[in-house]
Structures are given as C-alpha cells and as structure tokens.
C-alpha atoms as a PDB file:
ATOM      1  CA  MET A   1       5.754   9.912   5.619  1.00  0.00           C
ATOM      2  CA  PRO A   2       7.080  13.390   4.560  1.00  0.00           C
ATOM      3  CA  PRO A   3       7.175  16.368   6.968  1.00  0.00           C
ATOM      4  CA  PRO A   4       4.087  18.577   7.009  1.00  0.00           C
ATOM      5  CA  VAL A   5       3.799  21.301   4.393  1.00  0.00           C
ATOM      6  CA  ALA A   6       1.555  24.325   4.319  1.00  0.00           C
ATOM      7  CA  SER A   7      -1.576  24.270   2.190  1.00  0.00           C
ATOM      8  CA  PRO A   8      -0.979  26.015  -1.164  1.00  0.00           C
ATOM      9  CA  PRO A   9      -2.562  29.327  -2.147  1.00  0.00           C
ATOM     10  CA  PRO A  10      -5.356  29.401  -4.740  1.00  0.00           C
ATOM     11  CA  ILE A  11      -4.211  28.845  -8.307  1.00  0.00           C
ATOM     12  CA  GLY A  12      -6.002  31.708  -9.943  1.00  0.00           C
ATOM     13  CA  ASP A  13      -8.630  31.019 -12.587  1.00  0.00           C
ATOM     14  CA  ASN A  14      -7.568  27.497 -13.509  1.00  0.00           C
ATOM     15  CA  ALA A  15     -10.264  24.850 -13.937  1.00  0.00           C
ATOM     16  CA  ALA A  16     -11.737  23.386 -10.768  1.00  0.00           C
ATOM     17  CA  VAL A  17     -10.206  20.000 -11.414  1.00  0.00           C
ATOM     18  CA  ARG A  18      -6.714  21.568 -11.341  1.00  0.00           C
ATOM     19  CA  ARG A  19      -7.399  23.360  -8.055  1.00  0.00           C
ATOM     20  CA  CYS A  20      -8.723  20.191  -6.422  1.00  0.00           C
ATOM     21  CA  LEU A  21      -5.792  18.136  -7.652  1.00  0.00           C
ATOM     22  CA  VAL A  22      -3.130  20.474  -6.299  1.00  0.00           C
ATOM     23  CA  VAL A  23      -4.869  20.820  -2.948  1.00  0.00           C
ATOM     24  CA  SER A  24      -5.363  17.080  -2.596  1.00  0.00           C
ATOM     25  CA  LEU A  25      -1.778  16.282  -3.535  1.00  0.00           C
ATOM     26  CA  LEU A  26      -0.293  18.802  -1.119  1.00  0.00           C
ATOM     27  CA  SER A  27      -2.658  18.101   1.753  1.00  0.00           C
ATOM     28  CA  ALA A  28      -2.005  14.394   1.449  1.00  0.00           C
ATOM     29  CA  CYS A  29       1.704  15.030   1.762  1.00  0.00           C
ATOM     30  CA  ALA A  30       1.071  17.222   4.802  1.00  0.00           C
ATOM     31  CA  VAL A  31      -0.612  14.625   7.029  1.00  0.00           C
ATOM     32  CA  PRO A  32       1.932  13.166   9.473  1.00  0.00           C
ATOM     33  CA  ALA A  33       1.640   9.545  10.533  1.00  0.00           C
ATOM     34  CA  PRO A  34       0.919   8.971  14.227  1.00  0.00           C
ATOM     35  CA  GLU A  35       3.978   8.067  16.269  1.00  0.00           C
ATOM     36  CA  PRO A  36       4.264   4.275  16.672  1.00  0.00           C
ATOM     37  CA  THR A  37       4.046   2.879  20.172  1.00  0.00           C
ATOM     38  CA  MET A  38       7.061   0.665  19.548  1.00  0.00           C
ATOM     39  CA  GLN A  39       9.994   0.421  17.176  1.00  0.00           C
ATOM     40  CA  PRO A  40      10.785  -2.922  15.519  1.00  0.00           C
ATOM     41  CA  PRO A  41      14.387  -4.095  15.020  1.00  0.00           C
ATOM     42  CA  SER A  42      16.246  -3.410  11.825  1.00  0.00           C
ATOM     43  CA  ALA A  43      14.574  -4.550   8.632  1.00  0.00           C
ATOM     44  CA  PRO A  44      15.704  -7.654   6.723  1.00  0.00           C
ATOM     45  CA  ALA A  45      18.710  -7.208   4.465  1.00  0.00           C
ATOM     46  CA  PRO A  46      17.791  -6.179   0.909  1.00  0.00           C
ATOM     47  CA  VAL A  47      17.745  -8.945  -1.661  1.00  0.00           C
ATOM     48  CA  ALA A  48      19.358  -8.437  -5.074  1.00  0.00           C
ATOM     49  CA  THR A  49      16.877  -9.245  -7.820  1.00  0.00           C
ATOM     50  CA  ALA A  50      17.016  -9.174 -11.592  1.00  0.00           C
ATOM     51  CA  PRO A  51      15.311  -6.218 -13.293  1.00  0.00           C
ATOM     52  CA  ALA A  52      11.627  -6.952 -13.825  1.00  0.00           C
ATOM     53  CA  SER A  53      10.232  -6.896 -17.350  1.00  0.00           C
ATOM     54  CA  THR A  54       7.856  -4.071 -18.228  1.00  0.00           C
ATOM     55  CA  THR A  55       4.578  -3.942 -20.114  1.00  0.00           C
ATOM     56  CA  THR A  56       3.264  -0.877 -21.958  1.00  0.00           C
ATOM     57  CA  LEU A  57      -0.509  -0.300 -21.789  1.00  0.00           C
ATOM     58  CA  THR A  58      -2.732   1.921 -23.911  1.00  0.00           C
ATOM     59  CA  PRO A  59      -5.894   3.466 -22.372  1.00  0.00           C
ATOM     60  CA  ASP A  60      -8.206   0.776 -23.760  1.00  0.00           C
ATOM     61  CA  GLU A  61      -5.932  -2.173 -22.981  1.00  0.00           C
ATOM     62  CA  ARG A  62      -6.525  -4.546 -20.071  1.00  0.00           C
ATOM     63  CA  LEU A  63      -3.621  -6.465 -18.563  1.00  0.00           C
ATOM     64  CA  ALA A  64      -4.531  -9.956 -17.298  1.00  0.00           C
ATOM     65  CA  LEU A  65      -3.054 -10.628 -13.853  1.00  0.00           C
ATOM     66  CA  GLY A  66      -4.506 -14.064 -13.130  1.00  0.00           C
ATOM     67  CA  GLY A  67      -7.619 -15.617 -11.644  1.00  0.00           C
ATOM     68  CA  GLY A  68      -9.788 -13.560 -13.975  1.00  0.00           C
ATOM     69  CA  VAL A  69      -8.402 -10.262 -12.588  1.00  0.00           C
ATOM     70  CA  THR A  70      -7.404  -7.519 -15.038  1.00  0.00           C
ATOM     71  CA  VAL A  71      -6.045  -4.003 -14.639  1.00  0.00           C
ATOM     72  CA  HIS A  72      -6.267  -0.921 -16.852  1.00  0.00           C
ATOM     73  CA  PHE A  73      -5.779   2.802 -16.356  1.00  0.00           C
ATOM     74  CA  ALA A  74      -7.921   5.912 -16.717  1.00  0.00           C
ATOM     75  CA  SER A  75      -8.252   9.575 -15.657  1.00  0.00           C
ATOM     76  CA  VAL A  76      -4.742  10.768 -16.506  1.00  0.00           C
ATOM     77  CA  VAL A  77      -4.243  14.370 -15.321  1.00  0.00           C
ATOM     78  CA  VAL A  78      -1.083  16.476 -15.768  1.00  0.00           C
ATOM     79  CA  GLU A  79      -0.594  19.390 -13.392  1.00  0.00           C
ATOM     80  CA  GLN A  80       1.896  22.143 -12.645  1.00  0.00           C
ATOM     81  CA  ILE A  81       2.332  23.022  -8.959  1.00  0.00           C
ATOM     82  CA  GLU A  82       3.217  26.612  -8.127  1.00  0.00           C
ATOM     83  CA  ALA A  83       5.756  27.230  -5.388  1.00  0.00           C
ATOM     84  CA  SER A  84       4.585  28.875  -2.196  1.00  0.00           C
ATOM     85  CA  PRO A  85       5.711  32.511  -1.744  1.00  0.00           C
ATOM     86  CA  ASP A  86       7.352  31.675   1.593  1.00  0.00           C
ATOM     87  CA  GLY A  87       9.281  28.718   0.168  1.00  0.00           C
ATOM     88  CA  SER A  88       7.553  26.138   2.371  1.00  0.00           C
ATOM     89  CA  TYR A  89       6.963  23.911  -0.638  1.00  0.00           C
ATOM     90  CA  PRO A  90       8.637  23.948  -4.057  1.00  0.00           C
ATOM     91  CA  ALA A  91       7.376  24.382  -7.560  1.00  0.00           C
ATOM     92  CA  GLY A  92       6.813  21.113  -9.308  1.00  0.00           C
ATOM     93  CA  SER A  93       4.717  19.012 -11.587  1.00  0.00           C
ATOM     94  CA  GLY A  94       2.824  15.772 -11.442  1.00  0.00           C
ATOM     95  CA  VAL A  95       0.844  13.146 -13.254  1.00  0.00           C
ATOM     96  CA  THR A  96      -2.015  11.372 -11.517  1.00  0.00           C
ATOM     97  CA  LEU A  97      -4.136   8.511 -12.794  1.00  0.00           C
ATOM     98  CA  ALA A  98      -6.301   5.632 -11.645  1.00  0.00           C
ATOM     99  CA  LEU A  99      -5.441   1.944 -11.894  1.00  0.00           C
ATOM    100  CA  ILE A 100      -8.678  -0.013 -12.089  1.00  0.00           C
ATOM    101  CA  PHE A 101      -8.804  -3.686 -11.102  1.00  0.00           C
ATOM    102  CA  GLU A 102     -11.707  -5.790 -12.384  1.00  0.00           C
ATOM    103  CA  GLY A 103     -12.790  -9.414 -12.319  1.00  0.00           C
ATOM    104  CA  VAL A 104     -13.539 -10.096  -8.630  1.00  0.00           C
ATOM    105  CA  GLY A 105     -16.544  -8.250  -7.221  1.00  0.00           C
ATOM    106  CA  ALA A 106     -17.022  -4.588  -8.059  1.00  0.00           C
ATOM    107  CA  PRO A 107     -14.193  -2.745  -9.864  1.00  0.00           C
ATOM    108  CA  VAL A 108     -11.586  -1.272  -7.510  1.00  0.00           C
ATOM    109  CA  SER A 109      -9.785   1.990  -8.293  1.00  0.00           C
ATOM    110  CA  ARG A 110      -6.342   2.821  -6.873  1.00  0.00           C
ATOM    111  CA  GLU A 111      -4.716   6.257  -7.171  1.00  0.00           C
ATOM    112  CA  ILE A 112      -1.249   6.587  -8.696  1.00  0.00           C
ATOM    113  CA  SER A 113       0.751   9.827  -8.552  1.00  0.00           C
ATOM    114  CA  LEU A 114       4.137  10.540 -10.114  1.00  0.00           C
ATOM    115  CA  LEU A 115       5.336  13.818  -8.619  1.00  0.00           C
ATOM    116  CA  SER A 116       8.498  15.882  -8.964  1.00  0.00           C
ATOM    117  CA  PRO A 117      11.165  16.064  -6.199  1.00  0.00           C
ATOM    118  CA  GLY A 118       9.876  17.586  -2.988  1.00  0.00           C
ATOM    119  CA  TYR A 119       6.649  15.558  -3.053  1.00  0.00           C
ATOM    120  CA  GLU A 120       6.039  11.903  -2.308  1.00  0.00           C
ATOM    121  CA  SER A 121       4.846   9.775  -5.204  1.00  0.00           C
ATOM    122  CA  VAL A 122       2.620   6.696  -5.096  1.00  0.00           C
ATOM    123  CA  ARG A 123       3.875   4.428  -7.871  1.00  0.00           C
ATOM    124  CA  GLU A 124       2.339   1.078  -6.968  1.00  0.00           C
ATOM    125  CA  ALA A 125      -1.095  -0.385  -6.351  1.00  0.00           C
ATOM    126  CA  TRP A 126      -2.138  -3.710  -4.844  1.00  0.00           C
ATOM    127  CA  PHE A 127      -5.120  -5.942  -5.416  1.00  0.00           C
ATOM    128  CA  ASP A 128      -5.158  -9.150  -3.386  1.00  0.00           C
ATOM    129  CA  ARG A 129      -1.802 -10.835  -4.129  1.00  0.00           C
ATOM    130  CA  TYR A 130      -0.997  -8.724  -7.200  1.00  0.00           C
ATOM    131  CA  ARG A 131       1.190  -5.627  -7.315  1.00  0.00           C
ATOM    132  CA  VAL A 132       1.266  -3.248 -10.289  1.00  0.00           C
ATOM    133  CA  ARG A 133       4.102  -0.731 -10.241  1.00  0.00           C
ATOM    134  CA  VAL A 134       4.066   2.255 -12.616  1.00  0.00           C
ATOM    135  CA  VAL A 135       7.512   2.887 -14.080  1.00  0.00           C
ATOM    136  CA  ASP A 136       6.616   5.759 -16.433  1.00  0.00           C
ATOM    137  CA  VAL A 137       3.783   7.572 -18.202  1.00  0.00           C
ATOM    138  CA  LEU A 138       4.586   8.193 -21.849  1.00  0.00           C
ATOM    139  CA  ASP A 139       3.165  11.239 -23.664  1.00  0.00           C
ATOM    140  CA  PRO A 140       0.634  11.938 -20.868  1.00  0.00           C
ATOM    141  CA  THR A 141      -0.889  15.069 -22.427  1.00  0.00           C
ATOM    142  CA  ARG A 142      -1.733  13.694 -25.887  1.00  0.00           C
ATOM    143  CA  ALA A 143      -1.680   9.878 -26.105  1.00  0.00           C
ATOM    144  CA  PRO A 144      -0.884   8.467 -22.664  1.00  0.00           C
ATOM    145  CA  ARG A 145       0.682   5.045 -22.386  1.00  0.00           C
ATOM    146  CA  LEU A 146       1.577   3.389 -19.119  1.00  0.00           C
ATOM    147  CA  VAL A 147       4.810   1.452 -18.540  1.00  0.00           C
ATOM    148  CA  VAL A 148       4.157  -1.013 -15.700  1.00  0.00           C
ATOM    149  CA  VAL A 149       5.643  -4.017 -13.920  1.00  0.00           C
ATOM    150  CA  ALA A 150       3.052  -6.602 -12.832  1.00  0.00           C
ATOM    151  CA  GLU A 151       4.009  -9.078 -10.097  1.00  0.00           C
ATOM    152  CA  GLN A 152       2.367 -11.621  -7.806  1.00  0.00           C
ATOM    153  CA  VAL A 153       3.237 -12.789  -4.297  1.00  0.00           C
ATOM    154  CA  THR A 154       4.812 -16.242  -3.902  1.00  0.00           C
ATOM    155  CA  ASP A 155       5.108 -18.568  -0.906  1.00  0.00           C
ATOM    156  CA  ARG A 156       8.870 -18.047  -0.747  1.00  0.00           C
ATOM    157  CA  VAL A 157      10.187 -16.023   2.192  1.00  0.00           C
ATOM    158  CA  ARG A 158      12.859 -13.445   1.435  1.00  0.00           C
ATOM    159  CA  SER A 159      16.295 -14.015   2.891  1.00  0.00           C
ATOM    160  CA  GLY A 160      17.242 -12.100   6.023  1.00  0.00           C
ATOM    161  CA  GLU A 161      15.939 -12.043   9.562  1.00  0.00           C
ATOM    162  CA  PRO A 162      12.235 -11.202  10.017  1.00  0.00           C
ATOM    163  CA  LEU A 163      11.200  -8.291  12.190  1.00  0.00           C
ATOM    164  CA  ALA A 164      10.486  -9.245  15.794  1.00  0.00           C
ATOM    165  CA  VAL A 165       7.889  -6.977  17.422  1.00  0.00           C
ATOM    166  CA  ARG A 166       5.608  -6.877  20.438  1.00  0.00           C
ATOM    167  CA  VAL A 167       2.491  -4.759  19.989  1.00  0.00           C
ATOM    168  CA  ALA A 168      -0.226  -3.911  22.495  1.00  0.00           C
ATOM    169  CA  ARG A 169      -3.868  -3.444  21.618  1.00  0.00           C
ATOM    170  CA  GLY A 170      -4.266  -0.040  20.011  1.00  0.00           C
ATOM    171  CA  GLY A 171      -0.558   0.124  19.199  1.00  0.00           C
ATOM    172  CA  ASP A 172       1.144   0.558  15.831  1.00  0.00           C
ATOM    173  CA  VAL A 173       3.805  -1.346  13.952  1.00  0.00           C
ATOM    174  CA  ASP A 174       5.800   0.476  11.280  1.00  0.00           C
ATOM    175  CA  LEU A 175       6.152  -1.672   8.186  1.00  0.00           C
ATOM    176  CA  GLU A 176       8.397  -0.723   5.294  1.00  0.00           C
ATOM    177  CA  THR A 177       5.508   0.344   3.071  1.00  0.00           C
ATOM    178  CA  ALA A 178       2.683   0.904   5.558  1.00  0.00           C
ATOM    179  CA  ARG A 179       1.668   1.194   9.202  1.00  0.00           C
ATOM    180  CA  MET A 180      -0.379  -1.491  10.955  1.00  0.00           C
ATOM    181  CA  THR A 181      -2.616  -0.837  13.975  1.00  0.00           C
ATOM    182  CA  PHE A 182      -3.543  -3.785  16.206  1.00  0.00           C
ATOM    183  CA  LEU A 183      -7.249  -3.347  17.028  1.00  0.00           C
ATOM    184  CA  GLY A 184      -7.786  -6.427  19.184  1.00  0.00           C
ATOM    185  CA  HIS A 185      -8.709 -10.111  19.354  1.00  0.00           C
ATOM    186  CA  SER A 186     -11.987 -11.972  19.234  1.00  0.00           C
ATOM    187  CA  THR A 187     -13.204 -15.525  18.702  1.00  0.00           C
ATOM    188  CA  LYS A 188     -16.283 -17.252  17.347  1.00  0.00           C
ATOM    189  CA  HIS A 189     -18.812 -19.824  18.531  1.00  0.00           C
ATOM    190  CA  ILE A 190     -17.457 -23.372  18.705  1.00  0.00           C
ATOM    191  CA  ASP A 191     -18.888 -26.760  19.585  1.00  0.00           C
ATOM    192  CA  ALA A 192     -18.105 -28.453  22.905  1.00  0.00           C
ATOM    193  CA  GLY A 193     -14.640 -29.970  22.953  1.00  0.00           C
ATOM    194  CA  GLU A 194     -13.230 -27.842  20.147  1.00  0.00           C
ATOM    195  CA  SER A 195     -10.344 -25.408  20.551  1.00  0.00           C
ATOM    196  CA  PRO A 196     -11.383 -21.785  20.032  1.00  0.00           C
ATOM    197  CA  PRO A 197      -9.822 -20.071  17.003  1.00  0.00           C
ATOM    198  CA  LEU A 198      -8.206 -16.674  17.391  1.00  0.00           C
ATOM    199  CA  MET A 199      -9.510 -13.759  15.326  1.00  0.00           C
ATOM    200  CA  VAL A 200      -7.054 -10.892  14.800  1.00  0.00           C
ATOM    201  CA  ALA A 201      -8.370  -7.430  13.858  1.00  0.00           C
ATOM    202  CA  VAL A 202      -5.914  -4.947  12.360  1.00  0.00           C
ATOM    203  CA  GLU A 203      -5.987  -1.800  10.267  1.00  0.00           C
ATOM    204  CA  TYR A 204      -3.420  -0.941   7.594  1.00  0.00           C
ATOM    205  CA  HIS A 205      -2.536   2.652   6.722  1.00  0.00           C
ATOM    206  CA  VAL A 206      -0.929   3.414   3.359  1.00  0.00           C
ATOM    207  CA  LEU A 207      -0.021   6.818   1.926  1.00  0.00           C
ATOM    208  CA  ARG A 208      -3.013   8.571   0.295  1.00  0.00           C
ATOM    209  CA  ALA A 209      -5.319   5.567   0.690  1.00  0.00           C
ATOM    210  CA  ALA A 210      -8.287   4.924   2.952  1.00  0.00           C
ATOM    211  CA  PRO A 211      -7.458   2.758   6.002  1.00  0.00           C
ATOM    212  CA  GLU A 212      -7.896  -0.938   5.265  1.00  0.00           C
ATOM    213  CA  ARG A 213      -9.469  -2.817   8.184  1.00  0.00           C
ATOM    214  CA  LEU A 214      -9.274  -6.631   8.216  1.00  0.00           C
ATOM    215  CA  GLU A 215     -10.234  -9.392  10.648  1.00  0.00           C
ATOM    216  CA  THR A 216      -8.505 -12.732  10.090  1.00  0.00           C
ATOM    217  CA  ASN A 217      -9.053 -16.178  11.575  1.00  0.00           C
ATOM    218  CA  VAL A 218      -5.512 -17.364  12.361  1.00  0.00           C
ATOM    219  CA  GLY A 219      -6.606 -20.729  13.768  1.00  0.00           C
ATOM    220  CA  THR A 220      -5.928 -22.338  17.124  1.00  0.00           C
ATOM    221  CA  GLY A 221      -2.789 -22.337  19.227  1.00  0.00           C
ATOM    222  CA  ASP A 222      -1.888 -25.935  18.330  1.00  0.00           C
ATOM    223  CA  ARG A 223      -0.534 -24.842  14.940  1.00  0.00           C
ATOM    224  CA  PRO A 224       1.349 -21.812  13.631  1.00  0.00           C
ATOM    225  CA  GLN A 225      -0.999 -18.834  13.834  1.00  0.00           C
ATOM    226  CA  ARG A 226      -0.307 -16.770  10.741  1.00  0.00           C
ATOM    227  CA  TRP A 227      -1.857 -14.334   8.335  1.00  0.00           C
ATOM    228  CA  ARG A 228      -0.762 -12.499   5.198  1.00  0.00           C
ATOM    229  CA  TRP A 229      -1.223  -9.019   3.840  1.00  0.00           C
ATOM    230  CA  ARG A 230       0.286  -8.067   0.508  1.00  0.00           C
ATOM    231  CA  ASP A 231       3.830  -9.491   0.652  1.00  0.00           C
ATOM    232  CA  TYR A 232       4.004  -9.560   4.457  1.00  0.00           C
ATOM    233  CA  LEU A 233       3.778 -12.800   6.459  1.00  0.00           C
ATOM    234  CA  PHE A 234       2.820 -12.358  10.139  1.00  0.00           C
ATOM    235  CA  THR A 235       3.432 -15.160  12.676  1.00  0.00           C
ATOM    236  CA  ILE A 236       2.165 -15.012  16.269  1.00  0.00           C
ATOM    237  CA  HIS A 237       4.654 -16.478  18.758  1.00  0.00           C
ATOM    238  CA  ALA A 238       2.846 -15.459  21.955  1.00  0.00           C
ATOM    239  CA  HIS A 239      -0.148 -13.358  22.922  1.00  0.00           C
ATOM    240  CA  ALA A 240      -2.446 -12.330  25.743  1.00  0.00           C
ATOM    241  CA  TYR A 241      -6.031 -12.355  24.541  1.00  0.00           C
ATOM    242  CA  ASP A 242      -7.151  -8.895  23.386  1.00  0.00           C
ATOM    243  CA  ALA A 243      -4.096  -7.365  25.087  1.00  0.00           C
ATOM    244  CA  TRP A 244      -0.854  -7.904  23.132  1.00  0.00           C
ATOM    245  CA  MET A 245       0.948 -10.043  20.537  1.00  0.00           C
ATOM    246  CA  GLN A 246       4.548 -11.047  19.983  1.00  0.00           C
ATOM    247  CA  LEU A 247       5.080 -11.262  16.221  1.00  0.00           C
ATOM    248  CA  SER A 248       7.678 -12.044  13.626  1.00  0.00           C
ATOM    249  CA  ILE A 249       7.095 -10.326  10.289  1.00  0.00           C
ATOM    250  CA  ALA A 250       8.736 -11.701   7.155  1.00  0.00           C
ATOM    251  CA  ARG A 251       8.550 -10.527   3.547  1.00  0.00           C
ATOM    252  CA  LEU A 252       7.564 -12.847   0.721  1.00  0.00           C
ATOM    253  CA  GLU A 253       9.191 -12.839  -2.689  1.00  0.00           C
ATOM    254  CA  LEU A 254       7.373 -11.560  -5.740  1.00  0.00           C
ATOM    255  CA  GLU A 255       7.608 -12.926  -9.252  1.00  0.00           C
ATOM    256  CA  PRO A 256       6.440 -11.570 -12.615  1.00  0.00           C
ATOM    257  CA  VAL A 257       2.879 -12.307 -13.624  1.00  0.00           C
ATOM    258  CA  PRO A 258       3.048 -14.972 -16.368  1.00  0.00           C
ATOM    259  CA  ARG A 259       2.525 -13.512 -19.824  1.00  0.00           C
END
C-alpha cells in the first residue's frame, strides 16, 4: 500500500462527480494497511511467461469468460488531479471505470483506475476464477474502448517454493496482491462416528475494494486440508483449533480464456 497522503483541497466549481472522484481516489491511496502480525518468507521466484493476447472491447460489447459469465465496462470518467500547494501529492490525471460481471447471480461491479505516477492504480478485477486485466483505455473522452487480457486459473502450481507461514487467530498474512486476516475456526454438526470437518473463516483485503469475508469447509484431517482464493492455493499443515494455523501458500498458473 502507498504511504499516506493529505486530502486534496476543493477543486473549485467543477461538477460534483469530479470532486467526489478526486477525493475518493486520493483518500483511498491514503489509507495505510494494518501492520501484519508476522512476515512470511521470500515469495516464489517469478516465472517467465509469454505475452498474453489482448482483446479490445467497445462499450456495448460483452466478453464471454466461460460458464455463462460475461464482462463489459461502463462509467468511464477522465479526471485531472491538481497538485497540493504544499507538495504532499503531485498533479496528475486518471481514468476510472467499472468492469461488470454477469451470468452468475446478480451483476457484480469492480472498480478499475488507471492513474498517473504518484498514485496507485487498480488495473485488474477478479470474478470467481477469472481475472480481467486492463492494459489501456483508448480514446476515453470521446469513444472509449478497453484493451484487456482475460485469463482463468488452472490447477497447475507455479514453480518456486510456496510461502510457509504461521498465523494466529486475528493475525494477518501479507500476500503479493492482498492481505488475509485469519478470523478463526468452526465446525458443523456431524453424525456419530464421523470425523468433524474444519471450517476456516478468513477475510481478504484488496486495494480500494470492500473486505471479502469467506468461510470454507476444508474437510477432515485425514486428507490434505486446502482451499483456494483467486490464484492462491492454501494448504494447512498443522493447526490448533480456533487458535493458529501453519500454512503453505502456493500460486496457481493462469491461462488465456479460450476465444
């Protein structure tokens, strides 16, 4: 996360949507992430991959991702950001838009922001196992077109050593693209003679997105206890119920969505 920056001054008589955009962009950059309770070992070595192919979308075009899920974009806004008089944040510009995923349940909107140097951009959005990364916005003020790369998560684990971490209840784990908070364990009712399954509750924190809270049934201790989130694969190697977990965290490969 970037270091805190001061809130910008009012922007004169511009339209309300411009004032709200600038404030929201700068305030989002100003919120520091809580300090993690532990630091994982070094991340896996980067993997060289071939350049992904791009797709160019018009405002009315829907890109099929798979499983009946589509994505399109809307609400493109171009903004100029005035520098603060004291130099605490620079002048800049930005384009924001919404990626809208449809096809499973209610439509889901994800914010994308492409900002100039000095501000942190959000170029990708996830829906289930699909990632859409915005490469560029062409002619945003007159006839916007979006250049994107659409990928899906595979079952293949990336090369390199996984992260090995121990996290206590209430503690955080820094991931490469997010922060995960371990909220605790629980179980569910079982019949006599059955092994109780372990339920793991966590919360994921991603830049300029609402926290995502999930509870996953990882099964019993007589088999690998695992769960996935985006392209992360979590494996429990040891735990004390509702107290701590010893984890390895691997990354899964992505591949282009079939066209």
